Protein backbone atom coordinates (compact mmCIF):
# COMPACT_ATOMS: atom_id res chain seq x y z
CA UNK A 1 102.05 95.78 69.93
CA UNK A 2 102.20 92.76 67.77
CA UNK A 3 105.45 91.33 66.55
CA UNK A 4 104.99 92.33 62.82
CA UNK A 5 104.16 95.78 63.90
CA UNK A 6 107.31 96.00 65.96
CA UNK A 7 109.26 94.78 63.06
CA UNK A 8 107.86 97.54 60.97
CA UNK A 9 108.71 100.12 63.54
CA UNK A 10 112.31 99.04 63.79
CA UNK A 11 112.64 99.19 59.98
CA UNK A 12 111.23 102.62 60.06
CA UNK A 13 113.38 104.09 62.88
CA UNK A 14 116.70 102.08 61.96
CA UNK A 15 116.47 101.40 58.30
CA UNK A 16 117.42 98.04 56.58
CA UNK A 17 118.17 95.15 59.21
CA UNK A 18 118.96 91.65 59.15
CA UNK A 19 116.86 88.95 60.59
CA UNK A 20 119.60 88.37 63.16
CA UNK A 21 119.64 92.03 64.23
CA UNK A 22 115.80 91.71 64.34
CA UNK A 23 115.75 88.93 66.53
CA UNK A 24 118.01 90.40 68.91
CA UNK A 25 116.00 93.56 69.20
CA UNK A 26 112.66 91.65 69.71
CA UNK A 27 114.15 88.71 71.81
CA UNK A 28 113.00 86.11 69.23
CA UNK A 29 114.78 83.45 67.36
CA UNK A 30 116.08 84.18 63.94
CA UNK A 31 113.74 81.58 62.56
CA UNK A 32 110.93 83.27 64.14
CA UNK A 33 111.83 86.59 62.70
CA UNK A 34 112.04 85.10 59.21
CA UNK A 35 108.60 83.80 59.54
CA UNK A 36 107.24 87.29 60.43
CA UNK A 37 109.19 88.91 57.78
CA UNK A 38 108.07 86.47 55.12
CA UNK A 39 104.52 87.21 55.85
CA UNK A 40 105.27 90.91 55.76
CA UNK A 41 106.74 90.29 52.37
CA UNK A 42 103.77 88.27 51.29
CA UNK A 43 101.68 91.25 52.03
CA UNK A 44 103.78 93.71 50.36
CA UNK A 45 105.06 95.72 53.12
CA UNK A 46 108.89 94.77 53.28
CA UNK A 47 111.29 93.68 50.86
CA UNK A 48 114.94 92.48 50.98
CA UNK A 49 118.32 93.11 49.34
CA UNK A 50 121.08 90.51 49.59
CA UNK A 51 124.33 92.15 50.01
CA UNK A 52 127.68 90.35 49.33
CA UNK A 53 129.50 89.37 52.62
CA UNK A 54 133.41 89.31 53.24
CA UNK A 55 133.10 85.51 53.60
CA UNK A 56 130.37 82.94 52.86
CA UNK A 57 126.65 83.52 51.76
CA UNK A 58 125.33 86.97 51.16
CA UNK A 59 123.63 88.77 54.04
CA UNK A 60 119.96 89.56 53.62
CA UNK A 61 118.71 92.92 54.62
CA UNK A 62 114.95 93.77 54.96
CA UNK A 63 113.49 97.11 54.50
CA UNK A 64 110.11 98.70 54.11
CA UNK A 65 108.13 99.10 50.87
CA UNK A 66 106.22 102.18 49.99
CA UNK A 67 103.33 100.10 51.29
CA UNK A 68 105.05 99.52 54.65
CA UNK A 69 105.75 103.21 54.80
CA UNK A 70 102.32 104.19 54.35
CA UNK A 71 101.38 103.02 57.68
CA UNK A 72 103.26 106.06 59.05
CA UNK A 73 101.76 108.39 56.23
CA UNK A 74 99.74 111.54 57.08
CA UNK A 75 96.04 110.58 56.98
CA UNK A 76 95.27 114.23 56.10
CA UNK A 77 97.56 114.68 53.07
CA UNK A 78 94.86 115.34 50.67
CA UNK A 79 92.90 117.98 52.88
CA UNK A 80 96.28 119.51 53.62
CA UNK A 81 97.16 120.15 50.03
CA UNK A 82 93.64 121.39 49.41
CA UNK A 83 93.98 124.01 52.28
CA UNK A 84 97.47 125.07 50.94
CA UNK A 85 95.90 125.66 47.43
CA UNK A 86 93.10 127.67 48.98
CA UNK A 87 95.65 129.91 50.78
CA UNK A 88 97.54 130.74 47.74
CA UNK A 89 94.45 131.28 45.68
CA UNK A 90 92.86 133.54 48.28
CA UNK A 91 95.84 135.38 49.69
CA UNK A 92 98.65 134.59 47.26
CA UNK A 93 102.24 133.77 47.94
CA UNK A 94 102.50 136.52 50.71
CA UNK A 95 99.53 134.74 52.44
CA UNK A 96 101.53 131.36 52.26
CA UNK A 97 104.60 133.02 53.82
CA UNK A 98 102.61 134.66 56.62
CA UNK A 99 101.10 131.19 57.38
CA UNK A 100 104.54 129.50 57.63
CA UNK A 101 106.06 132.50 59.62
CA UNK A 102 103.21 132.29 62.21
CA UNK A 103 103.72 128.48 62.52
CA UNK A 104 107.46 129.05 62.98
CA UNK A 105 106.84 131.86 65.54
CA UNK A 106 104.44 129.56 67.60
CA UNK A 107 106.81 126.58 67.35
CA UNK A 108 109.88 128.54 68.12
CA UNK A 109 108.00 130.01 71.33
CA UNK A 110 107.33 126.53 72.56
CA UNK A 111 110.73 125.16 71.76
CA UNK A 112 112.61 127.94 73.25
CA UNK A 113 110.67 127.58 76.52
CA UNK A 114 111.36 123.99 76.86
CA UNK A 115 115.09 124.41 75.96
CA UNK A 116 115.57 127.46 78.36
CA UNK A 117 116.86 125.62 81.13
CA UNK A 118 118.72 122.77 79.15
CA UNK A 119 122.47 123.32 78.88
CA UNK A 120 125.12 121.89 76.40
CA UNK A 121 124.47 120.14 72.82
CA UNK A 122 123.31 116.81 74.08
CA UNK A 123 120.77 117.92 76.70
CA UNK A 124 119.23 120.60 74.16
CA UNK A 125 118.97 117.85 71.32
CA UNK A 126 117.39 115.19 73.70
CA UNK A 127 114.88 117.76 74.85
CA UNK A 128 114.14 118.80 71.19
CA UNK A 129 114.02 115.24 70.07
CA UNK A 130 111.44 114.46 72.58
CA UNK A 131 109.37 117.44 71.44
CA UNK A 132 109.56 116.55 67.76
CA UNK A 133 108.64 112.85 68.51
CA UNK A 134 105.54 113.95 70.31
CA UNK A 135 104.74 115.96 67.17
CA UNK A 136 105.08 112.68 65.15
CA UNK A 137 108.72 113.01 63.86
CA UNK A 138 110.08 109.89 65.32
CA UNK A 139 113.21 111.82 66.34
CA UNK A 140 116.22 110.31 67.70
CA UNK A 141 119.66 111.65 68.70
CA UNK A 142 122.87 110.02 67.72
CA UNK A 143 126.62 111.06 68.40
CA UNK A 144 129.62 109.89 66.18
CA UNK A 145 133.20 111.15 66.47
CA UNK A 146 132.05 114.25 68.57
CA UNK A 147 129.36 115.22 66.06
CA UNK A 148 125.77 115.03 66.94
CA UNK A 149 123.07 113.94 64.65
CA UNK A 150 119.23 114.77 65.00
CA UNK A 151 117.41 112.04 62.89
CA UNK A 152 113.71 112.40 61.95
CA UNK A 153 112.52 109.00 60.73
CA UNK A 154 108.94 110.32 59.81
CA UNK A 155 107.62 113.55 58.54
CA UNK A 156 104.04 114.25 59.39
CA UNK A 157 103.73 117.20 57.26
CA UNK A 158 105.23 115.62 54.22
CA UNK A 159 102.20 116.48 52.00
CA UNK A 160 102.57 120.20 53.05
CA UNK A 161 106.36 120.27 52.70
CA UNK A 162 106.38 118.64 49.32
CA UNK A 163 103.61 121.30 48.14
CA UNK A 164 105.77 124.31 49.72
CA UNK A 165 109.40 123.78 50.44
CA UNK A 166 109.28 126.78 52.88
CA UNK A 167 108.02 124.64 55.48
CA UNK A 168 111.41 122.59 55.30
CA UNK A 169 113.40 125.92 55.33
CA UNK A 170 111.46 127.17 58.20
CA UNK A 171 112.25 124.01 60.29
CA UNK A 172 116.01 124.04 59.43
CA UNK A 173 116.03 127.75 60.46
CA UNK A 174 114.36 126.96 63.79
CA UNK A 175 116.91 124.31 64.64
CA UNK A 176 119.81 126.60 63.71
CA UNK A 177 118.24 129.53 65.81
CA UNK A 178 117.68 127.17 68.91
CA UNK A 179 121.18 125.74 68.69
CA UNK A 180 123.04 128.82 67.68
CA UNK A 181 124.67 129.30 71.16
CA UNK A 182 126.38 125.92 71.27
CA UNK A 183 126.51 124.40 67.74
CA UNK A 184 126.05 124.71 63.99
CA UNK A 185 123.16 122.85 62.29
CA UNK A 186 122.89 121.61 58.66
CA UNK A 187 120.41 119.10 57.03
CA UNK A 188 122.48 116.28 55.22
CA UNK A 189 119.56 114.01 54.44
CA UNK A 190 116.09 115.08 53.35
CA UNK A 191 112.80 113.05 52.86
CA UNK A 192 111.65 115.53 50.20
CA UNK A 193 114.67 114.34 48.25
CA UNK A 194 113.94 110.79 48.53
CA UNK A 195 116.13 109.98 51.50
CA UNK A 196 114.67 107.50 54.11
CA UNK A 197 114.80 110.32 56.79
CA UNK A 198 115.85 113.87 57.61
CA UNK A 199 119.17 113.98 59.21
CA UNK A 200 120.36 117.08 60.73
CA UNK A 201 124.13 117.39 61.54
CA UNK A 202 124.92 119.16 64.69
CA UNK A 203 128.42 120.45 65.10
CA UNK A 204 129.41 121.81 68.55
CA UNK A 205 131.02 125.25 68.52
């Protein structure tokens, strides 16, 4: 993977970063990283925001633009929306709900099988994150002060979810069911609402 592609990947998964942090992650000099992000800025894929520091000069944070984010977009967006429109036209809202329920049942069966021999919040979440990443969600797990977070940095079904929010409701319900014996799950950040990622708060019970 080329350096500029690695930079875009880091900004997608970690959010706004300084050139110093990017240099540390990539094993490059800060000057080298600045040359790469300058090129990405020229191409319209990244932008920056200067934030006031406690002392000295402001700190510059780089982040992806819409063009940069489009590298991760679902290439079948238009077809997806057309198919969903067709389902609603031919079978009505009930038909759409049946479609979503069928998708949920299939996913639940696969997830439940994979998590069957996993115990504890951390182990279950790591397995779930791996499954979701394999599906294109770029999922990671974090832990802060005893609370776990399932972060999904990309939504490969964004077009479908935007067209029909029941897809998002279905996914939250699945997570809550899968973790019901060990934790409570709530969605705290939502790509559909304009957030950079979907963030699920997982509180051990």
